[in-house]
Amino acid sequence: MEYSERQEWDQHYADGKGFRRLSEREKALLAERAAPPGGGGRAVEVGSGAGDLALHLASVGYRVDAVDFAESAITRARAGHPDAGVRWICADIEHDDVAGLDPGGYDLVVIWTPSWVPPA
């Protein structure tokens, strides 16, 4: 599957499709290599989809901005995780106004490309 257009990704999430979950091995690697600084840190996930990685980063102490250009992905993430401590931002990081991102920058910037799985 190779989508290149915003509407293709939006339809992917609107159809209830998703990607594989973040594995325990990946979580361990993040803990080893990208633990939040003392007192927490700021993280941004670019291309967050429905937010599995963003949710994990929030659970270990990061304050997270999750950015995706598929409105249906952000809508699904907001609806499913309203109190997760993640700011869900619908924007194309390359072409849209990203003034809503943290002006102070981030301690961690991630792009995760998991494998697609069919809907249940």
Protein backbone atom coordinates (compact mmCIF):
# COMPACT_ATOMS: atom_id res chain seq x y z
CA MET A 1 0.00 0.00 0.00
CA GLU A 2 1.43 3.31 -1.03
CA TYR A 3 -0.77 6.34 -0.58
CA SER A 4 0.50 9.71 -1.65
CA GLU A 5 -2.57 11.92 -1.48
CA ARG A 6 -4.22 13.36 1.60
CA GLN A 7 -7.65 12.08 0.55
CA GLU A 8 -6.31 8.51 0.23
CA TRP A 9 -5.04 8.58 3.81
CA ASP A 10 -8.23 10.22 5.00
CA GLN A 11 -10.28 7.45 3.38
CA HIS A 12 -7.98 4.80 4.89
CA TYR A 13 -8.83 5.96 8.42
CA ALA A 14 -12.47 6.75 7.60
CA ASP A 15 -12.85 3.11 6.49
CA GLY A 16 -11.70 1.98 9.93
CA LYS A 17 -8.35 0.73 8.71
CA GLY A 18 -5.27 1.00 10.86
CA PHE A 19 -1.73 -0.20 11.30
CA ARG A 20 -0.09 -2.73 13.54
CA ARG A 21 0.31 -1.71 17.16
CA LEU A 22 3.56 -0.52 18.68
CA SER A 23 5.37 -3.68 19.79
CA GLU A 24 6.84 -4.36 23.21
CA ARG A 25 10.28 -4.48 21.58
CA GLU A 26 9.75 -1.01 20.10
CA LYS A 27 8.55 0.30 23.47
CA ALA A 28 11.69 -1.11 25.11
CA LEU A 29 13.88 0.51 22.46
CA LEU A 30 12.19 3.86 23.04
CA ALA A 31 12.70 3.50 26.80
CA GLU A 32 16.37 2.76 26.23
CA ARG A 33 17.11 5.38 23.58
CA ALA A 34 14.49 8.10 23.96
CA ALA A 35 13.35 8.27 27.57
CA PRO A 36 11.87 11.65 28.46
CA PRO A 37 14.15 14.11 30.22
CA GLY A 38 13.73 14.47 33.98
CA GLY A 39 10.47 16.23 34.69
CA GLY A 40 9.09 15.25 31.28
CA GLY A 41 9.78 16.56 27.84
CA ARG A 42 8.09 17.70 24.65
CA ALA A 43 7.61 15.29 21.75
CA VAL A 44 6.03 15.61 18.34
CA GLU A 45 4.96 12.69 16.20
CA VAL A 46 4.69 13.54 12.51
CA GLY A 47 2.23 11.35 10.61
CA SER A 48 0.62 10.13 13.81
CA GLY A 49 -2.39 8.43 12.27
CA ALA A 50 -4.71 7.25 15.02
CA GLY A 51 -1.98 7.87 17.58
CA ASP A 52 -0.54 4.62 18.94
CA LEU A 53 3.00 5.98 19.29
CA ALA A 54 1.80 9.37 20.55
CA LEU A 55 -0.25 7.64 23.25
CA HIS A 56 2.74 5.58 24.32
CA LEU A 57 4.98 8.64 24.51
CA ALA A 58 2.37 10.42 26.66
CA SER A 59 2.15 7.38 28.94
CA VAL A 60 5.88 7.52 29.69
CA GLY A 61 5.94 11.22 30.51
CA TYR A 62 6.21 13.25 27.31
CA ARG A 63 3.85 16.11 26.51
CA VAL A 64 2.95 15.15 22.95
CA ASP A 65 1.78 16.93 19.82
CA ALA A 66 0.48 14.35 17.33
CA VAL A 67 0.27 15.70 13.77
CA ASP A 68 -1.41 14.07 10.79
CA PHE A 69 -2.96 15.47 7.64
CA ALA A 70 -5.80 12.90 7.57
CA GLU A 71 -8.72 14.56 9.36
CA SER A 72 -10.38 11.16 9.92
CA ALA A 73 -7.26 9.87 11.74
CA ILE A 74 -7.15 12.88 14.06
CA THR A 75 -10.92 12.69 14.64
CA ARG A 76 -10.63 9.01 15.54
CA ALA A 77 -7.69 9.66 17.88
CA ARG A 78 -9.46 12.53 19.65
CA ALA A 79 -12.66 10.53 20.06
CA GLY A 80 -10.89 7.43 21.32
CA HIS A 81 -8.47 9.16 23.66
CA PRO A 82 -9.90 12.49 24.83
CA ASP A 83 -7.96 12.54 28.12
CA ALA A 84 -4.64 11.12 26.95
CA GLY A 85 -2.62 14.30 27.37
CA VAL A 86 -1.95 14.49 23.63
CA ARG A 87 -2.67 17.51 21.43
CA TRP A 88 -4.15 16.11 18.21
CA ILE A 89 -3.32 18.47 15.34
CA CYS A 90 -4.64 18.07 11.81
CA ALA A 91 -2.03 19.60 9.50
CA ASP A 92 0.23 18.78 6.60
CA ILE A 93 3.63 19.43 8.16
CA GLU A 94 5.08 20.39 4.76
CA HIS A 95 2.33 22.59 3.36
CA ASP A 96 0.02 23.88 6.12
CA ASP A 97 0.51 26.58 8.71
CA VAL A 98 2.17 24.87 11.67
CA ALA A 99 2.04 27.87 13.98
CA GLY A 100 0.16 25.67 16.46
CA LEU A 101 3.24 23.58 17.12
CA ASP A 102 5.31 24.30 20.20
CA PRO A 103 7.39 27.43 19.51
CA GLY A 104 9.92 26.26 22.10
CA GLY A 105 10.72 23.16 20.09
CA TYR A 106 10.79 19.52 21.03
CA ASP A 107 13.05 17.12 22.88
CA LEU A 108 11.96 14.28 20.59
CA VAL A 109 10.71 14.28 16.98
CA VAL A 110 9.44 10.96 15.64
CA ILE A 111 8.07 9.52 12.43
CA TRP A 112 6.95 5.91 12.79
CA THR A 113 6.02 3.85 9.74
CA PRO A 114 4.31 0.66 10.90
CA SER A 115 2.85 -2.00 8.65
CA TRP A 116 -0.77 -1.82 7.55
CA VAL A 117 -3.29 -4.30 8.94
CA PRO A 118 -6.80 -4.89 7.60
CA PRO A 119 -9.77 -3.76 9.71
CA ALA A 120 -11.15 -6.26 12.22
